[in-house]
């Protein structure tokens, strides 16, 4: 089972593979690391998490979105072919 718990800048991402979907949270934190806002998600595919959750929450920051996607892939999350 794939899992990730990572922080990049003011963003933190926690997710796990729950069988046929990916469940988790993404948060925007203050400078001290306390969540200012948190969004839960439950998506079927890695690309859905990226496009429907991470990209909008980061304000369309493509570089940060790509880095978080890379971290998810390294943690074992895969997009079915």
N, C-alpha and C. Protein backbone atom coordinates (compact mmCIF):
# COMPACT_ATOMS: atom_id res chain seq x y z
N UNK A 1 0.84 -1.18 0.00
CA UNK A 1 0.00 0.00 0.00
C UNK A 1 0.89 1.24 0.00
N UNK A 2 0.64 2.15 -0.92
CA UNK A 2 1.42 3.38 -1.04
C UNK A 2 0.92 4.42 -0.04
N UNK A 3 1.89 5.14 0.54
CA UNK A 3 1.57 6.22 1.48
C UNK A 3 2.56 7.35 1.29
N UNK A 4 2.09 8.57 1.57
CA UNK A 4 2.97 9.73 1.51
C UNK A 4 2.57 10.69 2.63
N UNK A 5 3.56 11.29 3.23
CA UNK A 5 3.37 12.34 4.23
C UNK A 5 4.54 13.30 4.03
N UNK A 6 4.30 14.35 3.25
CA UNK A 6 5.39 15.25 2.88
C UNK A 6 4.98 16.70 3.02
N UNK A 7 5.98 17.55 3.10
CA UNK A 7 5.76 18.98 3.20
C UNK A 7 6.69 19.67 2.21
N UNK A 8 6.14 20.63 1.47
CA UNK A 8 6.93 21.45 0.55
C UNK A 8 6.51 22.89 0.76
N UNK A 9 7.44 23.67 1.29
CA UNK A 9 7.10 25.06 1.58
C UNK A 9 5.95 25.12 2.57
N UNK A 10 4.90 25.82 2.19
CA UNK A 10 3.75 25.98 3.08
C UNK A 10 2.70 24.90 2.87
N UNK A 11 2.96 23.94 2.00
CA UNK A 11 1.98 22.90 1.69
C UNK A 11 2.38 21.57 2.31
N UNK A 12 1.39 20.85 2.83
CA UNK A 12 1.66 19.51 3.31
C UNK A 12 0.63 18.57 2.67
N UNK A 13 1.10 17.39 2.32
CA UNK A 13 0.28 16.40 1.62
C UNK A 13 0.40 15.08 2.34
N UNK A 14 -0.74 14.51 2.69
CA UNK A 14 -0.80 13.18 3.28
C UNK A 14 -1.79 12.39 2.44
N UNK A 15 -1.38 11.20 2.01
CA UNK A 15 -2.28 10.37 1.20
C UNK A 15 -1.90 8.91 1.35
N UNK A 16 -2.90 8.06 1.08
CA UNK A 16 -2.65 6.62 1.08
C UNK A 16 -3.50 5.98 0.01
N UNK A 17 -3.01 4.88 -0.50
CA UNK A 17 -3.73 4.10 -1.49
C UNK A 17 -4.72 3.24 -0.73
N UNK A 18 -6.01 3.46 -0.98
CA UNK A 18 -7.07 2.72 -0.28
C UNK A 18 -7.71 1.69 -1.22
N UNK A 19 -6.89 0.97 -1.95
CA UNK A 19 -7.41 -0.03 -2.87
C UNK A 19 -7.63 0.55 -4.25
N UNK A 20 -8.87 0.88 -4.56
CA UNK A 20 -9.16 1.41 -5.89
C UNK A 20 -9.28 2.93 -5.90
N UNK A 21 -8.78 3.60 -4.87
CA UNK A 21 -8.79 5.06 -4.85
C UNK A 21 -7.71 5.58 -3.90
N UNK A 22 -7.46 6.86 -3.99
CA UNK A 22 -6.45 7.53 -3.17
C UNK A 22 -7.16 8.49 -2.24
N UNK A 23 -6.93 8.33 -0.94
CA UNK A 23 -7.54 9.20 0.07
C UNK A 23 -6.45 10.00 0.75
N UNK A 24 -6.78 11.24 1.11
CA UNK A 24 -5.79 12.03 1.81
C UNK A 24 -6.26 13.43 2.10
N UNK A 25 -5.27 14.26 2.49
CA UNK A 25 -5.51 15.67 2.76
C UNK A 25 -4.35 16.48 2.21
N UNK A 26 -4.67 17.70 1.83
CA UNK A 26 -3.64 18.68 1.48
C UNK A 26 -3.95 19.92 2.29
N UNK A 27 -2.91 20.52 2.85
CA UNK A 27 -3.09 21.69 3.71
C UNK A 27 -2.15 22.81 3.29
N UNK A 28 -2.61 24.02 3.53
CA UNK A 28 -1.76 25.20 3.42
C UNK A 28 -1.47 25.62 4.86
N UNK A 29 -0.20 25.73 5.20
CA UNK A 29 0.22 25.99 6.57
C UNK A 29 0.76 27.41 6.74
N UNK A 30 0.71 27.90 7.98
CA UNK A 30 1.37 29.16 8.26
C UNK A 30 2.86 28.91 8.41
N UNK A 31 3.62 29.95 8.70
CA UNK A 31 5.07 29.81 8.79
C UNK A 31 5.50 28.85 9.89
N UNK A 32 4.67 28.66 10.90
CA UNK A 32 4.99 27.74 11.99
C UNK A 32 4.58 26.30 11.73
N UNK A 33 3.92 26.07 10.61
CA UNK A 33 3.51 24.71 10.27
C UNK A 33 2.08 24.36 10.66
N UNK A 34 1.36 25.32 11.24
CA UNK A 34 -0.03 25.08 11.63
C UNK A 34 -0.93 25.24 10.41
N UNK A 35 -1.81 24.25 10.15
CA UNK A 35 -2.68 24.35 8.97
C UNK A 35 -3.61 25.56 9.04
N UNK A 36 -3.60 26.36 7.97
CA UNK A 36 -4.54 27.46 7.83
C UNK A 36 -5.82 26.97 7.18
N UNK A 37 -5.65 26.05 6.24
CA UNK A 37 -6.78 25.45 5.54
C UNK A 37 -6.39 24.03 5.15
N UNK A 38 -7.37 23.14 5.18
CA UNK A 38 -7.10 21.75 4.83
C UNK A 38 -8.24 21.23 3.98
N UNK A 39 -7.90 20.47 2.96
CA UNK A 39 -8.90 19.88 2.08
C UNK A 39 -8.70 18.37 2.04
N UNK A 40 -9.77 17.63 2.32
CA UNK A 40 -9.73 16.18 2.18
C UNK A 40 -10.06 15.82 0.74
N UNK A 41 -9.53 14.68 0.28
CA UNK A 41 -9.85 14.22 -1.05
C UNK A 41 -9.96 12.71 -1.09
N UNK A 42 -10.69 12.23 -2.07
CA UNK A 42 -10.89 10.80 -2.32
C UNK A 42 -11.05 10.66 -3.82
N UNK A 43 -9.96 10.36 -4.51
CA UNK A 43 -9.93 10.29 -5.97
C UNK A 43 -9.51 8.90 -6.41
N UNK A 44 -9.89 8.52 -7.62
CA UNK A 44 -9.58 7.19 -8.12
C UNK A 44 -8.18 7.06 -8.71
N UNK A 45 -7.66 8.12 -9.29
CA UNK A 45 -6.38 8.03 -10.01
C UNK A 45 -5.42 9.13 -9.57
N UNK A 46 -4.14 8.86 -9.74
CA UNK A 46 -3.10 9.83 -9.41
C UNK A 46 -3.32 11.14 -10.17
N UNK A 47 -3.60 11.06 -11.47
CA UNK A 47 -3.80 12.29 -12.25
C UNK A 47 -5.01 13.08 -11.76
N UNK A 48 -6.02 12.41 -11.23
CA UNK A 48 -7.17 13.12 -10.65
C UNK A 48 -6.75 13.89 -9.40
N UNK A 49 -5.91 13.29 -8.58
CA UNK A 49 -5.41 13.98 -7.39
C UNK A 49 -4.63 15.22 -7.82
N UNK A 50 -3.79 15.05 -8.83
CA UNK A 50 -2.96 16.16 -9.31
C UNK A 50 -3.82 17.27 -9.89
N UNK A 51 -4.71 16.92 -10.82
CA UNK A 51 -5.49 17.93 -11.56
C UNK A 51 -6.65 18.52 -10.76
N UNK A 52 -7.31 17.72 -9.93
CA UNK A 52 -8.50 18.18 -9.22
C UNK A 52 -8.24 18.70 -7.82
N UNK A 53 -7.07 18.35 -7.26
CA UNK A 53 -6.79 18.72 -5.87
C UNK A 53 -5.53 19.58 -5.77
N UNK A 54 -4.39 19.00 -6.09
CA UNK A 54 -3.12 19.69 -5.84
C UNK A 54 -2.97 20.96 -6.67
N UNK A 55 -3.21 20.87 -7.97
CA UNK A 55 -3.05 22.03 -8.84
C UNK A 55 -3.91 23.22 -8.39
N UNK A 56 -5.23 23.01 -8.15
CA UNK A 56 -6.04 24.15 -7.70
C UNK A 56 -5.63 24.70 -6.32
N UNK A 57 -5.30 23.80 -5.39
CA UNK A 57 -4.95 24.24 -4.04
C UNK A 57 -3.66 25.07 -4.05
N UNK A 58 -2.73 24.73 -4.93
CA UNK A 58 -1.48 25.48 -5.01
C UNK A 58 -1.62 26.74 -5.86
N UNK A 59 -2.82 27.06 -6.26
CA UNK A 59 -3.05 28.27 -7.04
C UNK A 59 -2.52 28.17 -8.45
N UNK A 60 -2.47 26.95 -8.97
CA UNK A 60 -1.99 26.76 -10.34
C UNK A 60 -0.48 26.77 -10.47
N UNK A 61 0.22 26.52 -9.38
CA UNK A 61 1.69 26.50 -9.40
C UNK A 61 2.14 25.18 -10.02
N UNK A 62 2.54 25.24 -11.29
CA UNK A 62 2.91 24.02 -12.03
C UNK A 62 4.16 23.35 -11.48
N UNK A 63 5.13 24.15 -11.08
CA UNK A 63 6.38 23.58 -10.56
C UNK A 63 6.13 22.83 -9.25
N UNK A 64 5.39 23.43 -8.34
CA UNK A 64 5.07 22.78 -7.08
C UNK A 64 4.21 21.53 -7.31
N UNK A 65 3.25 21.64 -8.22
CA UNK A 65 2.40 20.50 -8.55
C UNK A 65 3.24 19.35 -9.10
N UNK A 66 4.19 19.67 -10.00
CA UNK A 66 5.06 18.63 -10.56
C UNK A 66 5.92 17.99 -9.48
N UNK A 67 6.46 18.80 -8.57
CA UNK A 67 7.29 18.26 -7.49
C UNK A 67 6.48 17.34 -6.58
N UNK A 68 5.26 17.74 -6.24
CA UNK A 68 4.42 16.88 -5.39
C UNK A 68 4.03 15.60 -6.13
N UNK A 69 3.76 15.69 -7.43
CA UNK A 69 3.47 14.48 -8.22
C UNK A 69 4.67 13.54 -8.21
N UNK A 70 5.87 14.10 -8.42
CA UNK A 70 7.09 13.29 -8.40
C UNK A 70 7.25 12.58 -7.06
N UNK A 71 6.95 13.27 -5.96
CA UNK A 71 7.04 12.67 -4.64
C UNK A 71 6.03 11.53 -4.48
N UNK A 72 4.82 11.72 -5.03
CA UNK A 72 3.81 10.66 -4.96
C UNK A 72 4.24 9.44 -5.76
N UNK A 73 4.83 9.65 -6.94
CA UNK A 73 5.32 8.54 -7.75
C UNK A 73 6.43 7.81 -7.02
N UNK A 74 7.35 8.54 -6.41
CA UNK A 74 8.44 7.92 -5.63
C UNK A 74 7.89 7.10 -4.46
N UNK A 75 6.74 7.53 -3.92
CA UNK A 75 6.13 6.82 -2.79
C UNK A 75 5.33 5.60 -3.25
N UNK A 76 5.24 5.39 -4.58
CA UNK A 76 4.59 4.18 -5.08
C UNK A 76 3.23 4.39 -5.70
N UNK A 77 2.74 5.62 -5.76
CA UNK A 77 1.47 5.87 -6.42
C UNK A 77 1.68 5.80 -7.93
N UNK A 78 0.77 5.14 -8.62
CA UNK A 78 0.90 4.97 -10.07
C UNK A 78 -0.39 5.36 -10.76
N UNK A 79 -0.24 5.83 -11.99
CA UNK A 79 -1.39 6.11 -12.85
C UNK A 79 -1.59 4.89 -13.74
N UNK A 80 -2.78 4.24 -13.69
CA UNK A 80 -2.99 3.07 -14.55
C UNK A 80 -2.89 3.47 -16.02
N UNK A 81 -2.38 2.56 -16.82
CA UNK A 81 -2.22 2.83 -18.27
C UNK A 81 -3.46 2.48 -19.03
